């Protein structure tokens, strides 16, 4: 695992969804940082070490899939989990499954997030 240990970067352009994930993860022994989009997430990633990234797929500007590709180019072993409330197109699904470590559909259950933490941290 990269040097971030138990630090999680959460990326979602919807403030309520970002707050909900931060709230869920706040109940565990992890440090969380939120980003409202891909560009902000890349800036934060360059400034700090993270052990896990959880990102929404559909975001304006840089999508979660684009962010995934950038992150995996920089840190191939970094676990990146995609969260999406939409069905992915076949080409998107192919790209996601090729490089993402896990894909969770919205609405997710708290147990989905707990399983992510257990698996990657």
PDB file of N, CA and C in Angstrom:
ATOM      1  N   UNK A   1       0.852  -1.176   0.000  1.00  0.00           N
ATOM      2  CA  UNK A   1       0.000   0.000   0.000  1.00  0.00           C
ATOM      3  C   UNK A   1       0.894   1.235   0.000  1.00  0.00           C
ATOM      4  N   UNK A   2       0.522   2.276  -0.746  1.00  0.00           N
ATOM      5  CA  UNK A   2       1.297   3.505  -0.747  1.00  0.00           C
ATOM      6  C   UNK A   2       1.428   4.073   0.662  1.00  0.00           C
ATOM      7  N   UNK A   3       2.240   5.098   0.802  1.00  0.00           N
ATOM      8  CA  UNK A   3       2.592   5.633   2.104  1.00  0.00           C
ATOM      9  C   UNK A   3       1.479   6.285   2.897  1.00  0.00           C
ATOM     10  N   UNK A   4       0.266   6.349   2.378  1.00  0.00           N
ATOM     11  CA  UNK A   4      -0.814   7.034   3.066  1.00  0.00           C
ATOM     12  C   UNK A   4      -1.441   6.257   4.195  1.00  0.00           C
ATOM     13  N   UNK A   5      -1.128   4.957   4.291  1.00  0.00           N
ATOM     14  CA  UNK A   5      -1.665   4.155   5.379  1.00  0.00           C
ATOM     15  C   UNK A   5      -3.171   4.226   5.458  1.00  0.00           C
ATOM     16  N   UNK A   6      -3.678   4.811   6.534  1.00  0.00           N
ATOM     17  CA  UNK A   6      -5.115   4.839   6.773  1.00  0.00           C
ATOM     18  C   UNK A   6      -5.735   6.184   6.403  1.00  0.00           C
ATOM     19  N   UNK A   7      -5.143   6.872   5.446  1.00  0.00           N
ATOM     20  CA  UNK A   7      -5.684   8.146   4.985  1.00  0.00           C
ATOM     21  C   UNK A   7      -6.456   7.907   3.684  1.00  0.00           C
ATOM     22  N   UNK A   8      -7.707   8.383   3.657  1.00  0.00           N
ATOM     23  CA  UNK A   8      -8.597   8.141   2.524  1.00  0.00           C
ATOM     24  C   UNK A   8      -8.953   9.462   1.860  1.00  0.00           C
ATOM     25  N   UNK A   9      -8.833   9.499   0.536  1.00  0.00           N
ATOM     26  CA  UNK A   9      -9.267  10.642  -0.265  1.00  0.00           C
ATOM     27  C   UNK A   9     -10.614  10.289  -0.871  1.00  0.00           C
ATOM     28  N   UNK A  10     -11.629  11.106  -0.577  1.00  0.00           N
ATOM     29  CA  UNK A  10     -12.983  10.884  -1.079  1.00  0.00           C
ATOM     30  C   UNK A  10     -13.314  11.995  -2.060  1.00  0.00           C
ATOM     31  N   UNK A  11     -13.798  11.617  -3.254  1.00  0.00           N
ATOM     32  CA  UNK A  11     -14.042  12.594  -4.311  1.00  0.00           C
ATOM     33  C   UNK A  11     -15.482  12.472  -4.788  1.00  0.00           C
ATOM     34  N   UNK A  12     -16.223  13.571  -4.661  1.00  0.00           N
ATOM     35  CA  UNK A  12     -17.604  13.601  -5.160  1.00  0.00           C
ATOM     36  C   UNK A  12     -18.000  15.058  -5.353  1.00  0.00           C
ATOM     37  N   UNK A  13     -18.602  15.372  -6.491  1.00  0.00           N
ATOM     38  CA  UNK A  13     -19.002  16.750  -6.782  1.00  0.00           C
ATOM     39  C   UNK A  13     -20.300  17.146  -6.088  1.00  0.00           C
ATOM     40  N   UNK A  14     -21.034  16.177  -5.568  1.00  0.00           N
ATOM     41  CA  UNK A  14     -22.273  16.472  -4.855  1.00  0.00           C
ATOM     42  C   UNK A  14     -21.960  16.632  -3.374  1.00  0.00           C
ATOM     43  N   UNK A  15     -22.127  17.845  -2.816  1.00  0.00           N
ATOM     44  CA  UNK A  15     -21.773  18.078  -1.416  1.00  0.00           C
ATOM     45  C   UNK A  15     -22.448  17.108  -0.441  1.00  0.00           C
ATOM     46  N   UNK A  16     -23.706  16.779  -0.667  1.00  0.00           N
ATOM     47  CA  UNK A  16     -24.411  15.872   0.252  1.00  0.00           C
ATOM     48  C   UNK A  16     -23.820  14.463   0.199  1.00  0.00           C
ATOM     49  N   UNK A  17     -23.484  14.003  -0.994  1.00  0.00           N
ATOM     50  CA  UNK A  17     -22.890  12.670  -1.134  1.00  0.00           C
ATOM     51  C   UNK A  17     -21.499  12.625  -0.514  1.00  0.00           C
ATOM     52  N   UNK A  18     -20.720  13.691  -0.719  1.00  0.00           N
ATOM     53  CA  UNK A  18     -19.389  13.778  -0.121  1.00  0.00           C
ATOM     54  C   UNK A  18     -19.492  13.783   1.405  1.00  0.00           C
ATOM     55  N   UNK A  19     -20.402  14.594   1.931  1.00  0.00           N
ATOM     56  CA  UNK A  19     -20.595  14.667   3.384  1.00  0.00           C
ATOM     57  C   UNK A  19     -21.033  13.319   3.955  1.00  0.00           C
ATOM     58  N   UNK A  20     -21.891  12.609   3.228  1.00  0.00           N
ATOM     59  CA  UNK A  20     -22.369  11.303   3.699  1.00  0.00           C
ATOM     60  C   UNK A  20     -21.214  10.307   3.793  1.00  0.00           C
ATOM     61  N   UNK A  21     -20.361  10.274   2.779  1.00  0.00           N
ATOM     62  CA  UNK A  21     -19.213   9.363   2.815  1.00  0.00           C
ATOM     63  C   UNK A  21     -18.234   9.745   3.917  1.00  0.00           C
ATOM     64  N   UNK A  22     -17.982  11.033   4.060  1.00  0.00           N
ATOM     65  CA  UNK A  22     -17.099  11.486   5.136  1.00  0.00           C
ATOM     66  C   UNK A  22     -17.670  11.093   6.494  1.00  0.00           C
ATOM     67  N   UNK A  23     -18.992  11.192   6.643  1.00  0.00           N
ATOM     68  CA  UNK A  23     -19.660  10.826   7.884  1.00  0.00           C
ATOM     69  C   UNK A  23     -19.522   9.332   8.165  1.00  0.00           C
ATOM     70  N   UNK A  24     -19.762   8.507   7.150  1.00  0.00           N
ATOM     71  CA  UNK A  24     -19.648   7.050   7.310  1.00  0.00           C
ATOM     72  C   UNK A  24     -18.221   6.684   7.712  1.00  0.00           C
ATOM     73  N   UNK A  25     -17.240   7.237   7.013  1.00  0.00           N
ATOM     74  CA  UNK A  25     -15.852   6.888   7.299  1.00  0.00           C
ATOM     75  C   UNK A  25     -15.363   7.486   8.620  1.00  0.00           C
ATOM     76  N   UNK A  26     -16.031   8.547   9.068  1.00  0.00           N
ATOM     77  CA  UNK A  26     -15.658   9.171  10.325  1.00  0.00           C
ATOM     78  C   UNK A  26     -15.859   8.263  11.523  1.00  0.00           C
ATOM     79  N   UNK A  27     -16.665   7.235  11.367  1.00  0.00           N
ATOM     80  CA  UNK A  27     -16.916   6.298  12.455  1.00  0.00           C
ATOM     81  C   UNK A  27     -15.784   5.279  12.611  1.00  0.00           C
ATOM     82  N   UNK A  28     -14.820   5.318  11.702  1.00  0.00           N
ATOM     83  CA  UNK A  28     -13.725   4.354  11.730  1.00  0.00           C
ATOM     84  C   UNK A  28     -12.405   5.065  12.001  1.00  0.00           C
ATOM     85  N   UNK A  29     -11.404   4.297  12.307  1.00  0.00           N
ATOM     86  CA  UNK A  29     -10.092   4.850  12.641  1.00  0.00           C
ATOM     87  C   UNK A  29      -9.315   5.153  11.359  1.00  0.00           C
ATOM     88  N   UNK A  30      -9.859   6.088  10.563  1.00  0.00           N
ATOM     89  CA  UNK A  30      -9.186   6.518   9.340  1.00  0.00           C
ATOM     90  C   UNK A  30      -9.239   8.039   9.268  1.00  0.00           C
ATOM     91  N   UNK A  31      -8.275   8.598   8.602  1.00  0.00           N
ATOM     92  CA  UNK A  31      -8.252  10.033   8.354  1.00  0.00           C
ATOM     93  C   UNK A  31      -8.802  10.257   6.955  1.00  0.00           C
ATOM     94  N   UNK A  32      -9.771  11.152   6.812  1.00  0.00           N
ATOM     95  CA  UNK A  32     -10.427  11.376   5.529  1.00  0.00           C
ATOM     96  C   UNK A  32     -10.245  12.809   5.059  1.00  0.00           C
ATOM     97  N   UNK A  33     -10.048  12.953   3.763  1.00  0.00           N
ATOM     98  CA  UNK A  33      -9.970  14.253   3.118  1.00  0.00           C
ATOM     99  C   UNK A  33     -10.959  14.224   1.961  1.00  0.00           C
ATOM    100  N   UNK A  34     -11.773  15.266   1.835  1.00  0.00           N
ATOM    101  CA  UNK A  34     -12.760  15.340   0.760  1.00  0.00           C
ATOM    102  C   UNK A  34     -12.313  16.270  -0.342  1.00  0.00           C
ATOM    103  N   UNK A  35     -12.674  15.923  -1.564  1.00  0.00           N
ATOM    104  CA  UNK A  35     -12.415  16.761  -2.735  1.00  0.00           C
ATOM    105  C   UNK A  35     -13.699  16.830  -3.551  1.00  0.00           C
ATOM    106  N   UNK A  36     -13.980  18.005  -4.104  1.00  0.00           N
ATOM    107  CA  UNK A  36     -15.227  18.196  -4.848  1.00  0.00           C
ATOM    108  C   UNK A  36     -15.103  17.904  -6.335  1.00  0.00           C
ATOM    109  N   UNK A  37     -13.952  17.438  -6.774  1.00  0.00           N
ATOM    110  CA  UNK A  37     -13.771  17.110  -8.183  1.00  0.00           C
ATOM    111  C   UNK A  37     -12.400  16.520  -8.446  1.00  0.00           C
ATOM    112  N   UNK A  38     -12.213  16.084  -9.689  1.00  0.00           N
ATOM    113  CA  UNK A  38     -10.976  15.418 -10.069  1.00  0.00           C
ATOM    114  C   UNK A  38      -9.740  16.290  -9.983  1.00  0.00           C
ATOM    115  N   UNK A  39      -9.842  17.536 -10.438  1.00  0.00           N
ATOM    116  CA  UNK A  39      -8.679  18.425 -10.406  1.00  0.00           C
ATOM    117  C   UNK A  39      -8.232  18.674  -8.965  1.00  0.00           C
ATOM    118  N   UNK A  40      -9.176  18.925  -8.072  1.00  0.00           N
ATOM    119  CA  UNK A  40      -8.842  19.131  -6.667  1.00  0.00           C
ATOM    120  C   UNK A  40      -8.241  17.856  -6.075  1.00  0.00           C
ATOM    121  N   UNK A  41      -8.789  16.707  -6.446  1.00  0.00           N
ATOM    122  CA  UNK A  41      -8.277  15.432  -5.943  1.00  0.00           C
ATOM    123  C   UNK A  41      -6.824  15.221  -6.366  1.00  0.00           C
ATOM    124  N   UNK A  42      -6.500  15.529  -7.616  1.00  0.00           N
ATOM    125  CA  UNK A  42      -5.113  15.371  -8.084  1.00  0.00           C
ATOM    126  C   UNK A  42      -4.176  16.308  -7.331  1.00  0.00           C
ATOM    127  N   UNK A  43      -4.628  17.534  -7.083  1.00  0.00           N
ATOM    128  CA  UNK A  43      -3.808  18.484  -6.326  1.00  0.00           C
ATOM    129  C   UNK A  43      -3.550  17.950  -4.919  1.00  0.00           C
ATOM    130  N   UNK A  44      -4.597  17.469  -4.249  1.00  0.00           N
ATOM    131  CA  UNK A  44      -4.448  16.921  -2.906  1.00  0.00           C
ATOM    132  C   UNK A  44      -3.553  15.684  -2.913  1.00  0.00           C
ATOM    133  N   UNK A  45      -3.702  14.854  -3.933  1.00  0.00           N
ATOM    134  CA  UNK A  45      -2.891  13.646  -4.051  1.00  0.00           C
ATOM    135  C   UNK A  45      -1.412  13.999  -4.198  1.00  0.00           C
ATOM    136  N   UNK A  46      -1.123  15.055  -4.949  1.00  0.00           N
ATOM    137  CA  UNK A  46       0.264  15.483  -5.127  1.00  0.00           C
ATOM    138  C   UNK A  46       0.855  16.082  -3.856  1.00  0.00           C
ATOM    139  N   UNK A  47       0.000  16.589  -2.965  1.00  0.00           N
ATOM    140  CA  UNK A  47       0.456  17.237  -1.734  1.00  0.00           C
ATOM    141  C   UNK A  47       0.555  16.294  -0.540  1.00  0.00           C
ATOM    142  N   UNK A  48      -0.092  15.135  -0.592  1.00  0.00           N
ATOM    143  CA  UNK A  48      -0.173  14.265   0.569  1.00  0.00           C
ATOM    144  C   UNK A  48      -0.184  12.804   0.116  1.00  0.00           C
ATOM    145  N   UNK A  49       0.021  11.896   1.064  1.00  0.00           N
ATOM    146  CA  UNK A  49      -0.002  10.467   0.769  1.00  0.00           C
ATOM    147  C   UNK A  49      -1.339   9.878   1.226  1.00  0.00           C
ATOM    148  N   UNK A  50      -1.939   9.078   0.366  1.00  0.00           N
ATOM    149  CA  UNK A  50      -3.210   8.432   0.672  1.00  0.00           C
ATOM    150  C   UNK A  50      -3.066   6.932   0.479  1.00  0.00           C
ATOM    151  N   UNK A  51      -3.781   6.179   1.309  1.00  0.00           N
ATOM    152  CA  UNK A  51      -3.781   4.732   1.203  1.00  0.00           C
ATOM    153  C   UNK A  51      -4.952   4.189   0.415  1.00  0.00           C
ATOM    154  N   UNK A  52      -5.932   5.065   0.110  1.00  0.00           N
ATOM    155  CA  UNK A  52      -7.143   4.650  -0.594  1.00  0.00           C
ATOM    156  C   UNK A  52      -7.827   5.883  -1.166  1.00  0.00           C
ATOM    157  N   UNK A  53      -8.376   5.739  -2.378  1.00  0.00           N
ATOM    158  CA  UNK A  53      -9.186   6.795  -2.980  1.00  0.00           C
ATOM    159  C   UNK A  53     -10.545   6.197  -3.317  1.00  0.00           C
ATOM    160  N   UNK A  54     -11.605   6.896  -2.903  1.00  0.00           N
ATOM    161  CA  UNK A  54     -12.976   6.525  -3.250  1.00  0.00           C
ATOM    162  C   UNK A  54     -13.531   7.688  -4.057  1.00  0.00           C
ATOM    163  N   UNK A  55     -13.948   7.425  -5.302  1.00  0.00           N
ATOM    164  CA  UNK A  55     -14.410   8.515  -6.159  1.00  0.00           C
ATOM    165  C   UNK A  55     -15.713   8.200  -6.867  1.00  0.00           C
ATOM    166  N   UNK A  56     -16.526   9.226  -6.974  1.00  0.00           N
ATOM    167  CA  UNK A  56     -17.725   9.151  -7.799  1.00  0.00           C
ATOM    168  C   UNK A  56     -17.275   9.040  -9.256  1.00  0.00           C
ATOM    169  N   UNK A  57     -18.090   8.433 -10.084  1.00  0.00           N
ATOM    170  CA  UNK A  57     -17.738   8.277 -11.497  1.00  0.00           C
ATOM    171  C   UNK A  57     -18.143   9.499 -12.304  1.00  0.00           C
ATOM    172  N   UNK A  58     -19.388   9.923 -12.174  1.00  0.00           N
ATOM    173  CA  UNK A  58     -19.912  11.035 -12.990  1.00  0.00           C
ATOM    174  C   UNK A  58     -19.702  12.363 -12.270  1.00  0.00           C
ATOM    175  N   UNK A  59     -18.758  13.135 -12.803  1.00  0.00           N
ATOM    176  CA  UNK A  59     -18.494  14.466 -12.254  1.00  0.00           C
ATOM    177  C   UNK A  59     -18.193  15.394 -13.423  1.00  0.00           C
ATOM    178  N   UNK A  60     -18.548  16.673 -13.302  1.00  0.00           N
ATOM    179  CA  UNK A  60     -18.216  17.614 -14.381  1.00  0.00           C
ATOM    180  C   UNK A  60     -16.705  17.842 -14.435  1.00  0.00           C
ATOM    181  N   UNK A  61     -16.240  18.224 -15.593  1.00  0.00           N
ATOM    182  CA  UNK A  61     -14.801  18.430 -15.751  1.00  0.00           C
ATOM    183  C   UNK A  61     -14.111  17.093 -15.915  1.00  0.00           C
ATOM    184  N   UNK A  62     -13.427  16.661 -14.883  1.00  0.00           N
ATOM    185  CA  UNK A  62     -12.730  15.378 -14.909  1.00  0.00           C
ATOM    186  C   UNK A  62     -13.612  14.315 -14.263  1.00  0.00           C
ATOM    187  N   UNK A  63     -13.956  13.284 -15.019  1.00  0.00           N
ATOM    188  CA  UNK A  63     -14.788  12.206 -14.475  1.00  0.00           C
ATOM    189  C   UNK A  63     -13.966  11.352 -13.513  1.00  0.00           C
ATOM    190  N   UNK A  64     -14.665  10.541 -12.759  1.00  0.00           N
ATOM    191  CA  UNK A  64     -13.986   9.613 -11.872  1.00  0.00           C
ATOM    192  C   UNK A  64     -13.141   8.604 -12.631  1.00  0.00           C
ATOM    193  N   UNK A  65     -13.577   8.245 -13.841  1.00  0.00           N
ATOM    194  CA  UNK A  65     -12.784   7.324 -14.663  1.00  0.00           C
ATOM    195  C   UNK A  65     -11.487   7.984 -15.117  1.00  0.00           C
ATOM    196  N   UNK A  66     -11.565   9.268 -15.504  1.00  0.00           N
ATOM    197  CA  UNK A  66     -10.346   9.995 -15.870  1.00  0.00           C
ATOM    198  C   UNK A  66      -9.422  10.119 -14.665  1.00  0.00           C
ATOM    199  N   UNK A  67      -9.996  10.434 -13.506  1.00  0.00           N
ATOM    200  CA  UNK A  67      -9.207  10.533 -12.283  1.00  0.00           C
ATOM    201  C   UNK A  67      -8.534   9.199 -11.983  1.00  0.00           C
ATOM    202  N   UNK A  68      -9.284   8.119 -12.111  1.00  0.00           N
ATOM    203  CA  UNK A  68      -8.732   6.777 -11.907  1.00  0.00           C
ATOM    204  C   UNK A  68      -7.490   6.563 -12.761  1.00  0.00           C
ATOM    205  N   UNK A  69      -7.573   6.897 -14.041  1.00  0.00           N
ATOM    206  CA  UNK A  69      -6.440   6.692 -14.953  1.00  0.00           C
ATOM    207  C   UNK A  69      -5.232   7.525 -14.524  1.00  0.00           C
ATOM    208  N   UNK A  70      -5.466   8.791 -14.155  1.00  0.00           N
ATOM    209  CA  UNK A  70      -4.364   9.658 -13.698  1.00  0.00           C
ATOM    210  C   UNK A  70      -3.718   9.086 -12.433  1.00  0.00           C
ATOM    211  N   UNK A  71      -4.539   8.667 -11.487  1.00  0.00           N
ATOM    212  CA  UNK A  71      -4.017   8.148 -10.227  1.00  0.00           C
ATOM    213  C   UNK A  71      -3.232   6.861 -10.432  1.00  0.00           C
ATOM    214  N   UNK A  72      -3.755   5.968 -11.264  1.00  0.00           N
ATOM    215  CA  UNK A  72      -3.069   4.694 -11.503  1.00  0.00           C
ATOM    216  C   UNK A  72      -1.769   4.894 -12.277  1.00  0.00           C
ATOM    217  N   UNK A  73      -1.717   5.937 -13.123  1.00  0.00           N
ATOM    218  CA  UNK A  73      -0.457   6.255 -13.800  1.00  0.00           C
ATOM    219  C   UNK A  73       0.585   6.718 -12.786  1.00  0.00           C
ATOM    220  N   UNK A  74       0.154   7.488 -11.782  1.00  0.00           N
ATOM    221  CA  UNK A  74       1.062   8.020 -10.767  1.00  0.00           C
ATOM    222  C   UNK A  74       1.422   6.971  -9.714  1.00  0.00           C
ATOM    223  N   UNK A  75       0.455   6.160  -9.337  1.00  0.00           N
ATOM    224  CA  UNK A  75       0.638   5.190  -8.254  1.00  0.00           C
ATOM    225  C   UNK A  75      -0.134   3.909  -8.577  1.00  0.00           C
ATOM    226  N   UNK A  76       0.465   3.020  -9.371  1.00  0.00           N
ATOM    227  CA  UNK A  76      -0.258   1.824  -9.838  1.00  0.00           C
ATOM    228  C   UNK A  76      -0.816   0.934  -8.730  1.00  0.00           C
ATOM    229  N   UNK A  77      -0.195   0.937  -7.562  1.00  0.00           N
ATOM    230  CA  UNK A  77      -0.648   0.066  -6.472  1.00  0.00           C
ATOM    231  C   UNK A  77      -1.679   0.719  -5.562  1.00  0.00           C
ATOM    232  N   UNK A  78      -1.994   1.988  -5.806  1.00  0.00           N
ATOM    233  CA  UNK A  78      -2.976   2.694  -4.988  1.00  0.00           C
ATOM    234  C   UNK A  78      -4.363   2.102  -5.212  1.00  0.00           C
ATOM    235  N   UNK A  79      -5.046   1.666  -4.152  1.00  0.00           N
ATOM    236  CA  UNK A  79      -6.416   1.189  -4.333  1.00  0.00           C
ATOM    237  C   UNK A  79      -7.358   2.362  -4.646  1.00  0.00           C
ATOM    238  N   UNK A  80      -8.110   2.207  -5.734  1.00  0.00           N
ATOM    239  CA  UNK A  80      -9.094   3.212  -6.140  1.00  0.00           C
ATOM    240  C   UNK A  80     -10.436   2.505  -6.294  1.00  0.00           C
ATOM    241  N   UNK A  81     -11.440   3.012  -5.570  1.00  0.00           N
ATOM    242  CA  UNK A  81     -12.783   2.442  -5.601  1.00  0.00           C
ATOM    243  C   UNK A  81     -13.704   3.451  -6.270  1.00  0.00           C
ATOM    244  N   UNK A  82     -14.458   2.988  -7.258  1.00  0.00           N
ATOM    245  CA  UNK A  82     -15.422   3.827  -7.967  1.00  0.00           C
ATOM    246  C   UNK A  82     -16.804   3.648  -7.359  1.00  0.00           C
ATOM    247  N   UNK A  83     -17.522   4.766  -7.225  1.00  0.00           N
ATOM    248  CA  UNK A  83     -18.918   4.732  -6.777  1.00  0.00           C
ATOM    249  C   UNK A  83     -19.759   5.408  -7.854  1.00  0.00           C
ATOM    250  N   UNK A  84     -20.830   4.741  -8.260  1.00  0.00           N
ATOM    251  CA  UNK A  84     -21.656   5.309  -9.324  1.00  0.00           C
ATOM    252  C   UNK A  84     -23.127   5.004  -9.085  1.00  0.00           C
ATOM    253  N   UNK A  85     -23.944   6.004  -9.331  1.00  0.00           N
ATOM    254  CA  UNK A  85     -25.385   5.819  -9.269  1.00  0.00           C
ATOM    255  C   UNK A  85     -25.972   5.509 -10.630  1.00  0.00           C
ATOM    256  N   UNK A  86     -25.128   5.432 -11.625  1.00  0.00           N
ATOM    257  CA  UNK A  86     -25.564   5.197 -12.993  1.00  0.00           C
ATOM    258  C   UNK A  86     -24.992   3.884 -13.488  1.00  0.00           C
ATOM    259  N   UNK A  87     -25.695   3.292 -14.442  1.00  0.00           N
ATOM    260  CA  UNK A  87     -25.122   2.139 -15.114  1.00  0.00           C
ATOM    261  C   UNK A  87     -24.007   2.635 -16.015  1.00  0.00           C
ATOM    262  N   UNK A  88     -22.868   1.995 -15.941  1.00  0.00           N
ATOM    263  CA  UNK A  88     -21.749   2.386 -16.784  1.00  0.00           C
ATOM    264  C   UNK A  88     -21.947   1.838 -18.193  1.00  0.00           C
ATOM    265  N   UNK A  89     -21.547   2.638 -19.173  1.00  0.00           N
ATOM    266  CA  UNK A  89     -21.549   2.173 -20.559  1.00  0.00           C
ATOM    267  C   UNK A  89     -20.540   1.024 -20.682  1.00  0.00           C
ATOM    268  N   UNK A  90     -20.715   0.123 -21.661  1.00  0.00           N
ATOM    269  CA  UNK A  90     -19.776  -1.000 -21.789  1.00  0.00           C
ATOM    270  C   UNK A  90     -18.309  -0.569 -21.870  1.00  0.00           C
ATOM    271  N   UNK A  91     -18.011   0.503 -22.603  1.00  0.00           N
ATOM    272  CA  UNK A  91     -16.616   0.948 -22.709  1.00  0.00           C
ATOM    273  C   UNK A  91     -16.122   1.495 -21.364  1.00  0.00           C
ATOM    274  N   UNK A  92     -17.007   2.207 -20.640  1.00  0.00           N
ATOM    275  CA  UNK A  92     -16.641   2.720 -19.318  1.00  0.00           C
ATOM    276  C   UNK A  92     -16.413   1.569 -18.347  1.00  0.00           C
ATOM    277  N   UNK A  93     -17.302   0.574 -18.402  1.00  0.00           N
ATOM    278  CA  UNK A  93     -17.183  -0.570 -17.517  1.00  0.00           C
ATOM    279  C   UNK A  93     -15.886  -1.326 -17.783  1.00  0.00           C
ATOM    280  N   UNK A  94     -15.531  -1.461 -19.046  1.00  0.00           N
ATOM    281  CA  UNK A  94     -14.286  -2.139 -19.409  1.00  0.00           C
ATOM    282  C   UNK A  94     -13.084  -1.393 -18.832  1.00  0.00           C
ATOM    283  N   UNK A  95     -13.052  -0.064 -18.994  1.00  0.00           N
ATOM    284  CA  UNK A  95     -11.961   0.742 -18.440  1.00  0.00           C
ATOM    285  C   UNK A  95     -11.941   0.664 -16.916  1.00  0.00           C
ATOM    286  N   UNK A  96     -13.112   0.724 -16.315  1.00  0.00           N
ATOM    287  CA  UNK A  96     -13.199   0.711 -14.857  1.00  0.00           C
ATOM    288  C   UNK A  96     -12.708  -0.608 -14.291  1.00  0.00           C
ATOM    289  N   UNK A  97     -13.164  -1.702 -14.851  1.00  0.00           N
ATOM    290  CA  UNK A  97     -12.774  -3.005 -14.310  1.00  0.00           C
ATOM    291  C   UNK A  97     -11.321  -3.319 -14.614  1.00  0.00           C
ATOM    292  N   UNK A  98     -10.777  -2.702 -15.650  1.00  0.00           N
ATOM    293  CA  UNK A  98      -9.372  -2.939 -15.985  1.00  0.00           C
ATOM    294  C   UNK A  98      -8.444  -2.309 -14.960  1.00  0.00           C
ATOM    295  N   UNK A  99      -8.824  -1.166 -14.393  1.00  0.00           N
ATOM    296  CA  UNK A  99      -7.897  -0.455 -13.505  1.00  0.00           C
ATOM    297  C   UNK A  99      -8.433  -0.178 -12.109  1.00  0.00           C
ATOM    298  N   UNK A 100      -9.744  -0.161 -11.942  1.00  0.00           N
ATOM    299  CA  UNK A 100     -10.307   0.099 -10.605  1.00  0.00           C
ATOM    300  C   UNK A 100     -10.163  -1.145  -9.740  1.00  0.00           C
ATOM    301  N   UNK A 101     -10.068  -0.926  -8.461  1.00  0.00           N
ATOM    302  CA  UNK A 101      -9.942  -2.048  -7.542  1.00  0.00           C
ATOM    303  C   UNK A 101     -11.296  -2.570  -7.091  1.00  0.00           C
ATOM    304  N   UNK A 102     -12.320  -1.713  -7.188  1.00  0.00           N
ATOM    305  CA  UNK A 102     -13.678  -2.131  -6.851  1.00  0.00           C
ATOM    306  C   UNK A 102     -14.649  -1.087  -7.388  1.00  0.00           C
ATOM    307  N   UNK A 103     -15.871  -1.518  -7.668  1.00  0.00           N
ATOM    308  CA  UNK A 103     -16.932  -0.618  -8.116  1.00  0.00           C
ATOM    309  C   UNK A 103     -18.144  -0.852  -7.231  1.00  0.00           C
ATOM    310  N   UNK A 104     -18.658   0.229  -6.641  1.00  0.00           N
ATOM    311  CA  UNK A 104     -19.840   0.167  -5.775  1.00  0.00           C
ATOM    312  C   UNK A 104     -20.945   0.985  -6.420  1.00  0.00           C
ATOM    313  N   UNK A 105     -22.149   0.421  -6.458  1.00  0.00           N
ATOM    314  CA  UNK A 105     -23.291   1.146  -7.014  1.00  0.00           C
ATOM    315  C   UNK A 105     -24.014   1.919  -5.917  1.00  0.00           C
ATOM    316  N   UNK A 106     -24.441   3.150  -6.268  1.00  0.00           N
ATOM    317  CA  UNK A 106     -25.313   3.931  -5.388  1.00  0.00           C
ATOM    318  C   UNK A 106     -26.730   3.459  -5.603  1.00  0.00           C
ATOM    319  N   UNK A 107     -27.570   3.444  -4.617  1.00  0.00           N
ATOM    320  CA  UNK A 107     -27.233   3.771  -3.240  1.00  0.00           C
ATOM    321  C   UNK A 107     -26.444   2.621  -2.624  1.00  0.00           C
ATOM    322  N   UNK A 108     -25.391   2.964  -1.942  1.00  0.00           N
ATOM    323  CA  UNK A 108     -24.566   1.954  -1.292  1.00  0.00           C
ATOM    324  C   UNK A 108     -25.058   1.746   0.139  1.00  0.00           C
ATOM    325  N   UNK A 109     -24.641   0.648   0.717  1.00  0.00           N
ATOM    326  CA  UNK A 109     -24.932   0.353   2.111  1.00  0.00           C
ATOM    327  C   UNK A 109     -23.660   0.602   2.912  1.00  0.00           C
ATOM    328  N   UNK A 110     -23.800   0.940   4.164  1.00  0.00           N
ATOM    329  CA  UNK A 110     -22.639   1.154   5.014  1.00  0.00           C
ATOM    330  C   UNK A 110     -21.728  -0.072   4.979  1.00  0.00           C
ATOM    331  N   UNK A 111     -22.318  -1.257   4.891  1.00  0.00           N
ATOM    332  CA  UNK A 111     -21.513  -2.485   4.846  1.00  0.00           C
ATOM    333  C   UNK A 111     -20.602  -2.510   3.618  1.00  0.00           C
ATOM    334  N   UNK A 112     -21.030  -1.892   2.502  1.00  0.00           N
ATOM    335  CA  UNK A 112     -20.170  -1.810   1.317  1.00  0.00           C
ATOM    336  C   UNK A 112     -18.899  -1.031   1.637  1.00  0.00           C
ATOM    337  N   UNK A 113     -19.046   0.070   2.358  1.00  0.00           N
ATOM    338  CA  UNK A 113     -17.907   0.909   2.715  1.00  0.00           C
ATOM    339  C   UNK A 113     -17.032   0.199   3.744  1.00  0.00           C
ATOM    340  N   UNK A 114     -17.643  -0.467   4.707  1.00  0.00           N
ATOM    341  CA  UNK A 114     -16.887  -1.226   5.701  1.00  0.00           C
ATOM    342  C   UNK A 114     -16.046  -2.292   5.004  1.00  0.00           C
ATOM    343  N   UNK A 115     -16.639  -2.973   4.026  1.00  0.00           N
ATOM    344  CA  UNK A 115     -15.895  -4.003   3.300  1.00  0.00           C
ATOM    345  C   UNK A 115     -14.714  -3.413   2.530  1.00  0.00           C
ATOM    346  N   UNK A 116     -14.895  -2.217   1.980  1.00  0.00           N
ATOM    347  CA  UNK A 116     -13.802  -1.527   1.284  1.00  0.00           C
ATOM    348  C   UNK A 116     -12.663  -1.245   2.260  1.00  0.00           C
ATOM    349  N   UNK A 117     -13.001  -0.729   3.437  1.00  0.00           N
ATOM    350  CA  UNK A 117     -11.981  -0.427   4.436  1.00  0.00           C
ATOM    351  C   UNK A 117     -11.241  -1.701   4.871  1.00  0.00           C
ATOM    352  N   UNK A 118     -11.984  -2.747   5.098  1.00  0.00           N
ATOM    353  CA  UNK A 118     -11.353  -4.020   5.494  1.00  0.00           C
ATOM    354  C   UNK A 118     -10.448  -4.551   4.405  1.00  0.00           C
ATOM    355  N   UNK A 119     -10.892  -4.451   3.176  1.00  0.00           N
ATOM    356  CA  UNK A 119     -10.124  -5.009   2.065  1.00  0.00           C
ATOM    357  C   UNK A 119      -8.844  -4.214   1.796  1.00  0.00           C
ATOM    358  N   UNK A 120      -8.924  -2.899   1.844  1.00  0.00           N
ATOM    359  CA  UNK A 120      -7.796  -2.090   1.396  1.00  0.00           C
ATOM    360  C   UNK A 120      -6.980  -1.443   2.500  1.00  0.00           C
ATOM    361  N   UNK A 121      -7.535  -1.319   3.702  1.00  0.00           N
ATOM    362  CA  UNK A 121      -6.773  -0.692   4.779  1.00  0.00           C
ATOM    363  C   UNK A 121      -6.504  -1.702   5.885  1.00  0.00           C
TER     364      UNK A 121
END
